[in-house]
Amino acid sequence: MIKALPEDLKNKISAGEVVERPASVVKELIENSIDAGASQVTVSIEKGGHNTIQVRDNGHGITPNELPVAVKRFHTSKIYTIDDLFSISTLGFRGEALASIASISEMSIISSSKKGEGAELSIVNGTLSKVQPAPKIGGTEISIRNLFYNTPARKKFLKTPRTELRKIVNVVRCYGLAFPDIEFKLIADNRNIFNVKSESLEERIDNLLDPTYSRNLIAINTTKGDYAFTGFVGNLNLVRSRPGEQYLFLNRRFIKDRLINRSIYNAYESLIKRGEYPFFVINLILPIDQVDVNVHPMKTQVRFKDEWRLFHLLKSEVGHSLNSILETVPFFDKSFQKTNSNQKYDYTKFNPANHNISETVPTNPNQNEIDFNTFEEGLNSSNINIRRAKDYVSKLAQTKIQDRETIATENIWQIHKKYIVSEVNSGLVIIDQHVAHERILYEDALKAFESTSMASQTLLFPEIIEFSPDDFDVLFDILPYLEKIGFKIIKQDELSIRIDAIPSEMALGNEREVIREILDNFLNERKQYSSFQEGLAAMFACKAAIKAGDTLVREEMQELVNRLFSTDHPYYCPHGRPIIVQMSLDELDGRFERH
């Protein structure tokens, strides 16, 4: 028989859309605090939100007689009519969050308005207690305990407390960046993670991410008709090998939009390669009647009235801001297009600052899709080179040098500070010095993880490196691996480390970059290697290996070749690129027509 569902069951079903994990609870409660006009928000967490989540603010509060109504489904103070859905100016508006959270947890609310008395309401399994008098706290404090205690199927899918805490840190960071004028405090297991005062966005980025970021920011502040863009993009020093530091806001609401992110990536053009992600914090200021935020209960997905106009406008403005980078990149071809040999390059034709935006907006909707797909194909084109290299290596493996002693290392030369040429009995070999050293270091690192640590070189002046709270927390998970490859690291304080020694084969000055790359590889959800150890070894080898352009003396070349042919796989690097090119005497004779 068809019948109406009980109210509690309705709330639990709704909770499945609104409350995915502890971070979802934090998100909804922070939004309520901001909508209540709070200038201070404090978030306290125990066991990654498994045990306790508490959010306190100094907003306008809830009166005692409205407390029982506030936790009912579809009850809200933010919209009243259908027309209000098309002019939403608050972060919350659906009236689902508190009811959903209360149905799957033990909740208590203490609140007092500016002039009224304080009151407390408790809810267990969706059942409300009587409203009790409480002290005046000048705002609202909501405490959540035992999340998902009555929905065990959801509870078992929660990650470890440390993982859930990282998700919460990301949520608080997002709202901290969107509202730098609001004070945010995050406490986890009695430890201060964030404690930021009202400040500029530039200062907030330093305090929530990394104190070095402000030195690498490029400002975005422009208005185009009824659209405006404010915030910062990062220079090439802030490019990371994993996504996660891309913060896009719509009228200060954190959103996720693949197309708009792509417009910013496109603006970097050839400055970054596939698998690299630039940093940005950008707030899109659009008329509220040109966006629809009522798309999904999580409210991170939106629809734009004219998304392709926004795409091209934002790409142009970010590209214009990046002109300063293009001017400092040596030998960078600014034309992106060659004319005939008698003409000079004319960069002004392609300068976003001089580009007519109206002309770039396609009028044919089919062309929009073609442009988007063409970009996808461009991203995937690098895979062709990888497949080609692997095909080459498979053929090369069939004609390996049979006797390693036949390499005449007494007759060895460096070509263009990039390649090593040496004789073999059957002809000659050409070795890429960078990928050869990369293969050596890769196998050395893998062996070090299983046995003796790699050699270290002590720094004359130890280096202090600061991290964001979530990166610093992860760092100690991978510290044993860092020590295995030759790092000597001491905890300096709550958010920094002191490096006393680095791997002996790593160049000085790369410490920060190498460690950040290792962190990115550890946190990257799209794993490229079968294990974290392999990924760490490959990344370390790439960063520590000698580079194209490094001059090698004869003894160094001889040592490099000897070490290469003592590896298990001397013919290709960890990324699949060939290391050795062989030319037989028969091939040389054929080239010179010696028959």
Protein backbone atom coordinates (compact mmCIF):
# COMPACT_ATOMS: atom_id res chain seq x y z
CA MET A 1 0.00 0.00 0.00
CA ILE A 2 1.12 3.55 -0.73
CA LYS A 3 1.36 5.66 2.37
CA ALA A 4 3.11 8.75 3.67
CA LEU A 5 6.54 8.29 5.23
CA PRO A 6 7.02 9.24 8.88
CA GLU A 7 8.59 12.66 9.39
CA ASP A 8 11.71 11.20 10.99
CA LEU A 9 12.28 8.90 8.01
CA LYS A 10 11.84 11.84 5.63
CA ASN A 11 14.54 13.70 7.51
CA LYS A 12 16.91 10.75 7.38
CA ILE A 13 16.43 10.46 3.62
CA SER A 14 17.07 14.19 3.26
CA ALA A 15 20.14 13.86 5.47
CA GLY A 16 21.66 11.50 2.91
CA GLU A 17 21.82 14.40 0.45
CA VAL A 18 22.81 17.16 2.87
CA VAL A 19 25.12 15.37 5.32
CA GLU A 20 27.74 13.26 3.59
CA ARG A 21 30.41 13.40 6.30
CA PRO A 22 31.42 15.57 9.31
CA ALA A 23 32.73 18.28 6.96
CA SER A 24 29.20 18.61 5.53
CA VAL A 25 27.87 19.39 9.02
CA VAL A 26 30.57 22.01 9.55
CA LYS A 27 29.74 23.57 6.17
CA GLU A 28 26.02 23.90 6.92
CA LEU A 29 26.56 25.30 10.42
CA ILE A 30 29.16 27.86 9.27
CA GLU A 31 26.76 29.03 6.55
CA ASN A 32 24.05 29.54 9.17
CA SER A 33 26.50 31.54 11.31
CA ILE A 34 27.48 33.79 8.41
CA ASP A 35 23.84 34.31 7.41
CA ALA A 36 23.16 35.29 11.04
CA GLY A 37 25.59 38.21 10.68
CA ALA A 38 28.37 36.70 12.78
CA SER A 39 31.77 38.38 12.85
CA GLN A 40 33.34 35.53 14.87
CA VAL A 41 32.95 31.79 14.20
CA THR A 42 34.59 29.07 16.30
CA VAL A 43 34.61 25.42 15.21
CA SER A 44 35.62 22.73 17.71
CA ILE A 45 36.17 19.12 16.63
CA GLU A 46 36.91 15.85 18.42
CA LYS A 47 38.16 12.74 16.60
CA GLY A 48 37.69 14.28 13.17
CA GLY A 49 34.02 14.94 13.91
CA HIS A 50 33.28 11.29 14.74
CA ASN A 51 32.63 12.24 18.37
CA THR A 52 31.85 15.95 18.55
CA ILE A 53 31.30 18.93 16.26
CA GLN A 54 30.60 22.30 17.80
CA VAL A 55 30.11 25.63 16.00
CA ARG A 56 29.70 28.85 17.96
CA ASP A 57 29.09 32.34 16.59
CA ASN A 58 28.23 35.87 17.75
CA GLY A 59 25.36 36.34 15.29
CA HIS A 60 21.91 37.69 16.01
CA GLY A 61 20.78 34.43 17.67
CA ILE A 62 17.47 32.59 17.88
CA THR A 63 14.67 33.50 20.27
CA PRO A 64 13.43 30.78 22.70
CA ASN A 65 10.04 30.42 21.03
CA GLU A 66 11.67 29.95 17.58
CA LEU A 67 14.14 27.23 18.65
CA PRO A 68 11.71 24.30 18.14
CA VAL A 69 10.69 25.69 14.75
CA ALA A 70 14.30 26.17 13.59
CA VAL A 71 14.99 22.43 13.55
CA LYS A 72 11.89 21.52 11.51
CA ARG A 73 12.32 20.59 7.87
CA PHE A 74 11.61 23.33 5.33
CA HIS A 75 11.50 26.01 8.00
CA THR A 76 13.74 29.01 7.29
CA SER A 77 13.94 32.75 7.76
CA LYS A 78 15.70 33.35 4.44
CA ILE A 79 13.00 32.94 1.77
CA TYR A 80 9.21 33.26 1.83
CA THR A 81 7.89 33.18 -1.75
CA ILE A 82 8.68 31.47 -5.07
CA ASP A 83 10.13 34.73 -6.37
CA ASP A 84 12.69 34.65 -3.55
CA LEU A 85 14.28 31.59 -5.17
CA PHE A 86 15.42 33.82 -8.04
CA SER A 87 17.02 36.45 -5.80
CA ILE A 88 18.86 34.44 -3.15
CA SER A 89 21.45 36.54 -1.34
CA THR A 90 22.13 34.21 1.61
CA LEU A 91 24.29 31.09 1.74
CA GLY A 92 21.49 28.92 3.11
CA PHE A 93 17.86 28.98 2.03
CA ARG A 94 16.44 25.43 1.80
CA GLY A 95 15.53 24.93 5.47
CA GLU A 96 16.84 21.35 5.49
CA ALA A 97 20.21 21.42 7.24
CA LEU A 98 19.30 21.48 10.96
CA ALA A 99 16.47 18.95 10.55
CA SER A 100 18.71 16.60 8.59
CA ILE A 101 21.59 16.85 11.07
CA ALA A 102 19.28 16.42 14.08
CA SER A 103 17.80 13.21 12.61
CA ILE A 104 21.18 11.41 12.51
CA SER A 105 22.91 12.74 15.63
CA GLU A 106 22.48 14.03 19.13
CA MET A 107 22.13 17.80 18.83
CA SER A 108 21.89 20.63 21.32
CA ILE A 109 21.38 24.32 20.55
CA ILE A 110 22.11 27.17 22.95
CA SER A 111 21.20 30.62 21.66
CA SER A 112 20.40 34.13 22.76
CA SER A 113 19.45 37.14 20.71
CA LYS A 114 21.05 40.49 21.38
CA LYS A 115 18.35 41.61 23.80
CA GLY A 116 16.56 38.37 24.72
CA GLU A 117 17.21 35.64 27.25
CA GLY A 118 19.26 32.56 26.52
CA ALA A 119 17.63 29.20 25.79
CA GLU A 120 18.68 25.58 25.12
CA LEU A 121 17.05 22.86 23.05
CA SER A 122 18.16 19.22 22.80
CA ILE A 123 17.24 16.82 19.99
CA VAL A 124 17.92 13.06 20.08
CA ASN A 125 16.96 10.88 17.10
CA GLY A 126 14.71 13.66 15.82
CA THR A 127 12.83 14.00 19.13
CA LEU A 128 12.78 17.48 20.68
CA SER A 129 13.11 18.15 24.40
CA LYS A 130 11.52 21.10 26.14
CA VAL A 131 13.22 24.46 25.74
CA GLN A 132 15.29 25.17 28.87
CA PRO A 133 16.68 28.49 30.15
CA ALA A 134 20.37 28.99 29.43
CA PRO A 135 23.02 31.68 29.93
CA LYS A 136 23.23 34.53 27.47
CA ILE A 137 26.07 33.79 25.03
CA GLY A 138 25.49 36.61 22.53
CA GLY A 139 24.89 34.30 19.59
CA THR A 140 24.37 30.61 18.89
CA GLU A 141 26.25 27.45 19.82
CA ILE A 142 25.29 24.17 18.12
CA SER A 143 26.83 20.91 19.36
CA ILE A 144 26.64 17.65 17.42
CA ARG A 145 27.56 14.35 19.06
CA ASN A 146 27.70 10.77 17.77
CA LEU A 147 27.13 11.59 14.12
CA PHE A 148 25.40 8.73 12.23
CA TYR A 149 24.91 6.78 15.47
CA ASN A 150 21.44 5.66 14.27
CA THR A 151 22.46 5.09 10.63
CA PRO A 152 25.28 2.54 10.97
CA ALA A 153 25.46 1.96 7.20
CA ARG A 154 26.59 5.57 6.78
CA LYS A 155 28.83 5.55 9.84
CA LYS A 156 30.95 2.65 8.59
CA PHE A 157 31.83 4.59 5.45
CA LEU A 158 33.46 7.40 7.41
CA LYS A 159 37.22 7.68 6.93
CA THR A 160 39.79 7.84 9.70
CA PRO A 161 39.58 10.83 12.08
CA ARG A 162 42.70 12.30 10.48
CA THR A 163 41.20 12.11 6.98
CA GLU A 164 37.88 13.59 8.12
CA LEU A 165 39.75 16.38 9.90
CA ARG A 166 41.54 17.28 6.65
CA LYS A 167 38.14 17.61 4.98
CA ILE A 168 36.95 19.89 7.77
CA VAL A 169 40.11 22.00 7.51
CA ASN A 170 39.39 22.47 3.80
CA VAL A 171 35.82 23.59 4.54
CA VAL A 172 36.87 26.13 7.16
CA ARG A 173 39.63 27.37 4.85
CA CYS A 174 37.14 27.92 2.03
CA TYR A 175 34.88 30.12 4.15
CA GLY A 176 37.89 31.86 5.66
CA LEU A 177 39.03 32.85 2.16
CA ALA A 178 35.53 33.87 1.08
CA PHE A 179 35.03 36.05 4.18
CA PRO A 180 38.40 37.49 5.28
CA ASP A 181 36.50 40.10 7.29
CA ILE A 182 35.16 37.39 9.63
CA GLU A 183 37.26 35.88 12.42
CA PHE A 184 37.56 32.08 12.24
CA LYS A 185 38.93 29.70 14.83
CA LEU A 186 39.30 25.94 14.34
CA ILE A 187 40.18 23.71 17.30
CA ALA A 188 40.75 19.98 16.83
CA ASP A 189 41.27 17.75 19.87
CA ASN A 190 42.23 20.79 21.97
CA ARG A 191 44.81 21.89 19.38
CA ASN A 192 44.52 25.23 17.55
CA ILE A 193 44.50 24.67 13.79
CA PHE A 194 43.37 28.14 12.67
CA ASN A 195 42.94 31.36 14.59
CA VAL A 196 42.60 34.25 12.15
CA LYS A 197 41.37 37.76 12.80
CA SER A 198 39.63 40.13 10.39
CA GLU A 199 42.20 40.98 7.70
CA SER A 200 42.80 41.48 4.00
CA LEU A 201 42.43 38.57 1.59
CA GLU A 202 46.18 38.63 0.92
CA GLU A 203 46.92 38.25 4.64
CA ARG A 204 44.23 35.58 4.97
CA ILE A 205 45.85 33.50 2.22
CA ASP A 206 49.15 33.59 4.10
CA ASN A 207 47.51 32.60 7.39
CA LEU A 208 45.35 29.80 6.02
CA LEU A 209 47.73 28.33 3.46
CA ASP A 210 51.40 29.24 3.62
CA PRO A 211 53.20 32.40 4.78
CA THR A 212 55.18 32.48 1.52
CA TYR A 213 52.13 32.64 -0.75
CA SER A 214 51.63 36.41 -0.63
CA ARG A 215 55.01 36.91 -2.35
CA ASN A 216 53.75 34.93 -5.34
CA LEU A 217 50.29 36.40 -5.91
CA ILE A 218 48.97 38.35 -8.89
CA ALA A 219 45.91 40.49 -8.18
CA ILE A 220 42.64 40.21 -10.12
CA ASN A 221 40.32 43.20 -9.75
CA THR A 222 38.23 44.16 -12.74
CA THR A 223 34.69 44.94 -13.86
CA LYS A 224 33.22 44.05 -17.24
CA GLY A 225 29.68 45.31 -17.63
CA ASP A 226 27.56 43.66 -14.95
CA TYR A 227 30.31 41.13 -14.13
CA ALA A 228 33.18 41.70 -11.69
CA PHE A 229 36.15 39.51 -10.70
CA THR A 230 38.26 39.97 -7.58
CA GLY A 231 40.97 37.93 -5.90
CA PHE A 232 44.37 36.51 -6.79
CA VAL A 233 46.03 33.99 -9.06
CA GLY A 234 49.41 32.47 -8.28
CA ASN A 235 52.58 32.70 -10.31
CA LEU A 236 54.49 29.62 -11.37
CA ASN A 237 55.96 29.13 -7.89
CA LEU A 238 52.49 28.12 -6.64
CA VAL A 239 51.79 25.54 -9.33
CA ARG A 240 51.14 22.15 -7.72
CA SER A 241 51.01 18.63 -9.11
CA ARG A 242 47.62 17.94 -7.51
CA PRO A 243 44.35 19.86 -7.49
CA GLY A 244 43.06 21.32 -4.25
CA GLU A 245 44.23 24.94 -4.11
CA GLN A 246 41.72 26.28 -6.61
CA TYR A 247 39.15 28.38 -4.77
CA LEU A 248 36.26 29.67 -6.86
CA PHE A 249 33.48 31.72 -5.28
CA LEU A 250 30.23 33.09 -6.67
CA ASN A 251 29.13 36.14 -4.71
CA ARG A 252 31.28 34.71 -1.88
CA ARG A 253 29.65 31.27 -2.11
CA PHE A 254 32.16 28.44 -2.66
CA ILE A 255 31.26 26.61 -5.87
CA LYS A 256 32.63 23.81 -8.03
CA ASP A 257 32.40 24.40 -11.75
CA ARG A 258 34.52 22.44 -14.21
CA LEU A 259 34.02 24.84 -17.11
CA ILE A 260 34.90 27.99 -15.15
CA ASN A 261 37.99 26.30 -13.71
CA ARG A 262 38.96 25.37 -17.26
CA SER A 263 38.81 29.02 -18.31
CA ILE A 264 41.48 29.83 -15.71
CA TYR A 265 43.63 26.85 -16.72
CA ASN A 266 43.36 27.98 -20.35
CA ALA A 267 44.62 31.43 -19.39
CA TYR A 268 47.91 29.87 -18.26
CA GLU A 269 48.23 28.40 -21.78
CA SER A 270 51.71 26.92 -22.24
CA LEU A 271 52.95 28.11 -18.84
CA ILE A 272 51.81 24.87 -17.22
CA LYS A 273 51.64 21.30 -18.48
CA ARG A 274 49.14 18.52 -18.10
CA GLY A 275 48.88 17.36 -14.49
CA GLU A 276 49.83 20.78 -13.06
CA TYR A 277 47.35 23.02 -11.29
CA PRO A 278 47.75 26.77 -10.68
CA PHE A 279 46.68 28.43 -7.46
CA PHE A 280 43.79 30.89 -7.48
CA VAL A 281 41.26 32.52 -5.17
CA ILE A 282 38.69 34.28 -7.34
CA ASN A 283 35.29 35.69 -6.42
CA LEU A 284 32.84 36.07 -9.29
CA ILE A 285 30.43 38.93 -8.61
CA LEU A 286 27.35 38.45 -10.78
CA PRO A 287 23.79 39.78 -10.62
CA ILE A 288 21.77 37.30 -8.58
CA ASP A 289 19.15 37.01 -11.32
CA GLN A 290 21.79 35.59 -13.70
CA VAL A 291 22.59 32.52 -11.60
CA ASP A 292 20.59 29.64 -10.16
CA VAL A 293 21.98 28.24 -6.91
CA ASN A 294 18.99 25.97 -6.28
CA VAL A 295 20.53 23.04 -8.14
CA HIS A 296 21.65 20.59 -5.45
CA PRO A 297 21.16 20.35 -1.66
CA MET A 298 24.92 20.80 -1.13
CA LYS A 299 24.66 24.19 -2.88
CA THR A 300 28.13 23.93 -4.46
CA GLN A 301 26.74 23.49 -7.98
CA VAL A 302 25.19 26.44 -9.79
CA ARG A 303 23.85 27.30 -13.22
CA PHE A 304 24.81 30.45 -15.12
CA LYS A 305 22.54 32.29 -17.50
CA ASP A 306 25.44 32.81 -19.93
CA GLU A 307 28.31 30.52 -18.87
CA TRP A 308 30.25 30.90 -22.12
CA ARG A 309 30.34 34.67 -21.82
CA LEU A 310 31.65 34.21 -18.28
CA PHE A 311 34.17 31.63 -19.55
CA HIS A 312 35.72 33.99 -22.10
CA LEU A 313 35.62 37.08 -19.88
CA LEU A 314 37.38 35.30 -17.01
CA LYS A 315 39.96 33.67 -19.30
CA SER A 316 40.76 37.07 -20.80
CA GLU A 317 41.13 38.82 -17.46
CA VAL A 318 43.32 36.12 -15.93
CA GLY A 319 45.41 35.99 -19.11
CA HIS A 320 45.87 39.75 -18.95
CA SER A 321 47.06 39.48 -15.33
CA LEU A 322 49.57 36.79 -16.33
CA ASN A 323 51.27 39.06 -18.87
CA SER A 324 53.91 39.89 -16.27
CA ILE A 325 54.90 36.20 -16.19
CA LEU A 326 55.10 35.99 -19.97
CA GLU A 327 57.47 38.96 -20.03
CA THR A 328 59.90 37.23 -17.66
CA VAL A 329 59.94 33.78 -19.26
CA PRO A 330 63.12 33.63 -21.38
CA PHE A 331 62.73 32.79 -25.07
CA PHE A 332 58.96 32.53 -24.69
CA ASP A 333 57.30 32.86 -28.07
CA LYS A 334 54.54 35.35 -27.34
CA SER A 335 52.92 35.17 -30.73
CA PHE A 336 51.67 31.58 -30.45
CA GLN A 337 51.55 31.70 -34.26
CA LYS A 338 54.23 32.04 -36.96
CA THR A 339 53.88 34.22 -40.01
CA ASN A 340 56.11 33.98 -43.06
CA SER A 341 59.85 34.37 -42.70
CA ASN A 342 59.81 38.02 -43.82
CA GLN A 343 57.39 39.11 -41.11
CA LYS A 344 57.89 39.71 -37.42
CA TYR A 345 55.75 38.30 -34.65
CA ASP A 346 52.89 40.53 -33.60
CA TYR A 347 51.98 39.67 -30.05
CA THR A 348 49.45 42.48 -29.75
CA LYS A 349 47.05 40.50 -31.90
CA PHE A 350 46.94 37.84 -29.22
CA ASN A 351 47.23 39.98 -26.11
CA PRO A 352 44.11 39.40 -23.97
CA ALA A 353 44.24 43.03 -22.86
CA ASN A 354 43.63 44.16 -26.45
CA HIS A 355 41.16 41.41 -27.30
CA ASN A 356 37.58 42.25 -28.08
CA ILE A 357 35.66 40.03 -25.69
CA SER A 358 32.38 40.30 -27.53
CA GLU A 359 34.01 38.84 -30.61
CA THR A 360 35.28 35.80 -28.71
CA VAL A 361 31.87 34.72 -27.44
CA PRO A 362 30.58 32.04 -29.81
CA THR A 363 27.11 32.51 -31.20
CA ASN A 364 26.80 28.92 -32.38
CA PRO A 365 26.06 26.63 -29.40
CA ASN A 366 27.48 23.67 -31.32
CA GLN A 367 30.80 25.47 -31.63
CA ASN A 368 30.90 25.81 -27.84
CA GLU A 369 30.94 22.03 -27.53
CA ILE A 370 33.55 21.71 -30.27
CA ASP A 371 35.85 24.18 -28.53
CA PHE A 372 35.51 22.30 -25.25
CA ASN A 373 36.17 18.90 -26.78
CA THR A 374 39.14 20.23 -28.72
CA PHE A 375 40.69 21.36 -25.45
CA GLU A 376 40.11 17.91 -23.96
CA GLU A 377 41.90 16.37 -26.93
CA GLY A 378 44.79 18.75 -26.39
CA LEU A 379 45.10 17.64 -22.78
CA ASN A 380 45.19 13.99 -23.85
CA SER A 381 47.72 14.51 -26.67
CA SER A 382 50.68 14.01 -24.32
CA ASN A 383 49.58 10.39 -23.86
CA ILE A 384 50.63 9.77 -27.49
CA ASN A 385 54.26 10.54 -26.59
CA ILE A 386 54.10 8.17 -23.63
CA ARG A 387 52.75 5.34 -25.79
CA ARG A 388 55.37 6.07 -28.44
CA ALA A 389 58.14 5.90 -25.84
CA LYS A 390 56.87 2.62 -24.47
CA ASP A 391 56.69 1.17 -27.99
CA TYR A 392 60.27 2.26 -28.57
CA VAL A 393 61.42 0.75 -25.29
CA SER A 394 59.72 -2.58 -26.04
CA LYS A 395 61.61 -2.78 -29.35
CA LEU A 396 64.83 -1.67 -27.72
CA ALA A 397 64.54 -4.44 -25.15
CA GLN A 398 64.71 -6.99 -27.94
CA THR A 399 68.15 -5.73 -29.02
CA LYS A 400 69.83 -5.06 -25.68
CA ILE A 401 73.54 -4.61 -25.43
CA GLN A 402 74.65 -8.16 -24.73
CA ASP A 403 77.90 -7.41 -22.96
CA ARG A 404 78.02 -4.38 -20.70
CA GLU A 405 81.79 -4.49 -20.63
CA THR A 406 81.85 -3.60 -24.34
CA ILE A 407 80.93 0.02 -23.60
CA ALA A 408 84.15 1.94 -24.17
CA THR A 409 83.88 4.44 -21.33
CA GLU A 410 87.45 5.61 -22.07
CA ASN A 411 86.00 7.07 -25.27
CA ILE A 412 83.06 9.08 -23.99
CA TRP A 413 81.77 12.56 -24.78
CA GLN A 414 79.06 14.96 -23.63
CA ILE A 415 76.97 16.55 -26.40
CA HIS A 416 75.23 19.91 -25.84
CA LYS A 417 75.46 19.35 -22.07
CA LYS A 418 72.55 16.95 -22.47
CA TYR A 419 73.60 13.64 -24.01
CA ILE A 420 76.46 11.21 -23.43
CA VAL A 421 77.91 9.42 -26.48
CA SER A 422 80.03 6.28 -26.15
CA GLU A 423 81.31 3.44 -28.32
CA VAL A 424 80.09 -0.14 -28.21
CA ASN A 425 81.32 -3.09 -30.25
CA SER A 426 78.31 -2.94 -32.55
CA GLY A 427 78.31 0.85 -33.07
CA LEU A 428 77.56 3.62 -30.60
CA VAL A 429 75.07 4.54 -27.90
CA ILE A 430 73.57 7.92 -26.99
CA ILE A 431 72.42 8.31 -23.38
CA ASP A 432 70.17 11.04 -21.97
CA GLN A 433 72.08 12.11 -18.85
CA HIS A 434 68.99 13.28 -16.91
CA VAL A 435 66.81 10.20 -17.37
CA ALA A 436 69.84 7.92 -16.87
CA HIS A 437 70.52 9.46 -13.46
CA GLU A 438 66.77 9.42 -12.78
CA ARG A 439 66.66 5.64 -13.28
CA ILE A 440 69.67 5.18 -10.97
CA LEU A 441 68.17 7.27 -8.17
CA TYR A 442 64.75 5.64 -8.59
CA GLU A 443 66.10 2.15 -7.99
CA ASP A 444 68.37 3.36 -5.18
CA ALA A 445 65.35 4.90 -3.41
CA LEU A 446 63.25 1.74 -3.75
CA LYS A 447 66.10 -0.30 -2.27
CA ALA A 448 66.49 2.22 0.56
CA PHE A 449 62.81 1.78 1.55
CA GLU A 450 63.49 -1.92 2.10
CA SER A 451 66.93 -1.78 3.72
CA THR A 452 69.65 0.79 4.46
CA SER A 453 68.91 4.49 4.12
CA MET A 454 70.53 6.55 1.37
CA ALA A 455 73.52 8.77 2.18
CA SER A 456 72.94 12.32 3.45
CA GLN A 457 74.78 15.62 3.25
CA THR A 458 74.57 17.87 6.30
CA LEU A 459 73.46 21.44 5.66
CA LEU A 460 75.80 24.13 6.93
CA PHE A 461 72.77 26.29 7.67
CA PRO A 462 69.65 24.20 8.49
CA GLU A 463 66.53 25.32 6.64
CA ILE A 464 63.18 26.07 8.29
CA ILE A 465 60.08 25.27 6.22
CA GLU A 466 56.53 26.18 7.26
CA PHE A 467 53.40 24.30 6.15
CA SER A 468 49.66 24.68 6.27
CA PRO A 469 48.06 22.74 9.15
CA ASP A 470 46.70 19.90 6.99
CA ASP A 471 49.94 19.49 5.01
CA PHE A 472 51.94 19.52 8.26
CA ASP A 473 49.71 16.80 9.67
CA VAL A 474 50.30 14.59 6.61
CA LEU A 475 54.04 15.27 6.63
CA PHE A 476 54.56 13.10 9.70
CA ASP A 477 52.88 10.16 7.96
CA ILE A 478 55.60 10.20 5.31
CA LEU A 479 58.51 11.23 7.53
CA PRO A 480 59.94 7.66 7.70
CA TYR A 481 60.13 7.57 3.90
CA LEU A 482 61.88 10.96 3.78
CA GLU A 483 64.46 9.73 6.24
CA LYS A 484 65.02 6.60 4.15
CA ILE A 485 65.99 8.66 1.09
CA GLY A 486 68.42 10.81 3.08
CA PHE A 487 66.50 13.67 4.74
CA LYS A 488 67.17 14.51 8.38
CA ILE A 489 64.15 16.43 9.67
CA ILE A 490 63.34 17.83 13.12
CA LYS A 491 59.97 19.27 14.20
CA GLN A 492 60.52 22.96 14.86
CA ASP A 493 57.09 24.01 16.17
CA GLU A 494 53.41 23.27 15.49
CA LEU A 495 53.59 24.20 11.80
CA SER A 496 57.25 24.08 10.75
CA ILE A 497 60.20 21.71 10.42
CA ARG A 498 63.98 22.10 10.42
CA ILE A 499 65.94 20.27 7.73
CA ASP A 500 69.42 19.38 9.00
CA ALA A 501 70.47 17.14 6.08
CA ILE A 502 69.32 16.27 2.57
CA PRO A 503 70.06 13.34 0.22
CA SER A 504 73.69 13.46 -0.89
CA GLU A 505 72.80 13.38 -4.59
CA MET A 506 70.22 16.16 -4.39
CA ALA A 507 71.19 19.71 -5.30
CA LEU A 508 71.05 22.31 -2.54
CA GLY A 509 68.06 24.65 -2.61
CA ASN A 510 65.48 22.08 -3.77
CA GLU A 511 64.37 20.97 -0.31
CA ARG A 512 61.04 22.83 -0.19
CA GLU A 513 60.07 21.87 -3.74
CA VAL A 514 60.92 18.18 -3.30
CA ILE A 515 59.02 17.82 -0.02
CA ARG A 516 55.95 19.60 -1.39
CA GLU A 517 55.99 17.36 -4.46
CA ILE A 518 56.13 14.31 -2.18
CA LEU A 519 53.14 15.62 -0.21
CA ASP A 520 51.20 16.21 -3.42
CA ASN A 521 51.95 12.69 -4.60
CA PHE A 522 50.82 11.26 -1.27
CA LEU A 523 47.53 13.20 -1.30
CA ASN A 524 46.81 12.83 -5.00
CA GLU A 525 43.69 10.70 -5.41
CA ARG A 526 44.56 9.86 -9.02
CA LYS A 527 47.53 7.59 -8.39
CA GLN A 528 50.00 7.16 -11.25
CA TYR A 529 52.01 4.38 -9.61
CA SER A 530 51.15 1.03 -8.08
CA SER A 531 52.31 2.17 -4.64
CA PHE A 532 53.14 5.34 -2.77
CA GLN A 533 56.77 4.21 -2.45
CA GLU A 534 57.12 3.97 -6.23
CA GLY A 535 55.56 7.39 -6.72
CA LEU A 536 57.80 8.94 -4.06
CA ALA A 537 60.90 7.32 -5.56
CA ALA A 538 60.00 8.49 -9.07
CA MET A 539 59.32 12.06 -7.95
CA PHE A 540 62.49 12.24 -5.85
CA ALA A 541 64.57 10.82 -8.71
CA CYS A 542 63.19 13.36 -11.18
CA LYS A 543 63.89 16.31 -8.88
CA ALA A 544 67.31 15.17 -7.66
CA ALA A 545 68.77 13.92 -10.96
CA ILE A 546 71.27 15.98 -12.92
CA LYS A 547 69.59 18.21 -15.49
CA ALA A 548 70.03 18.93 -19.16
CA GLY A 549 72.56 21.77 -19.23
CA ASP A 550 74.70 20.42 -16.38
CA THR A 551 78.33 20.01 -17.41
CA LEU A 552 79.89 16.61 -16.63
CA VAL A 553 83.58 15.77 -16.59
CA ARG A 554 84.83 12.46 -18.01
CA GLU A 555 84.95 10.72 -14.63
CA GLU A 556 81.34 11.76 -13.87
CA MET A 557 80.15 10.44 -17.23
CA GLN A 558 81.98 7.16 -16.73
CA GLU A 559 80.49 6.78 -13.24
CA LEU A 560 77.00 7.57 -14.56
CA VAL A 561 77.21 4.95 -17.34
CA ASN A 562 78.61 2.29 -15.03
CA ARG A 563 75.86 2.90 -12.46
CA LEU A 564 73.17 2.94 -15.15
CA PHE A 565 74.12 -0.52 -16.41
CA SER A 566 74.11 -1.87 -12.89
CA THR A 567 70.38 -1.08 -12.58
CA ASP A 568 67.66 -3.63 -13.27
CA HIS A 569 66.10 -1.61 -16.10
CA PRO A 570 68.69 0.64 -17.78
CA TYR A 571 66.66 1.26 -20.94
CA TYR A 572 63.77 3.43 -19.70
CA CYS A 573 63.12 5.92 -16.90
CA PRO A 574 60.36 5.54 -14.26
CA HIS A 575 58.01 7.58 -16.46
CA GLY A 576 58.49 5.36 -19.49
CA ARG A 577 60.86 7.59 -21.48
CA PRO A 578 63.79 5.91 -23.30
CA ILE A 579 67.26 6.40 -21.80
CA ILE A 580 69.42 4.94 -24.56
CA VAL A 581 69.42 5.28 -28.34
CA GLN A 582 71.59 2.75 -30.20
CA MET A 583 73.04 3.13 -33.68
CA SER A 584 74.62 0.00 -35.16
CA LEU A 585 77.61 -0.03 -37.50
CA ASP A 586 75.33 -1.32 -40.24
CA GLU A 587 73.07 1.71 -39.81
CA LEU A 588 76.03 4.09 -39.84
CA ASP A 589 77.47 2.39 -42.93
CA GLY A 590 74.11 2.69 -44.63
CA ARG A 591 73.90 6.39 -43.87
CA PHE A 592 77.31 6.92 -45.47
CA GLU A 593 76.48 4.55 -48.34
CA ARG A 594 79.30 2.18 -47.45
CA HIS A 595 78.08 -1.02 -49.06
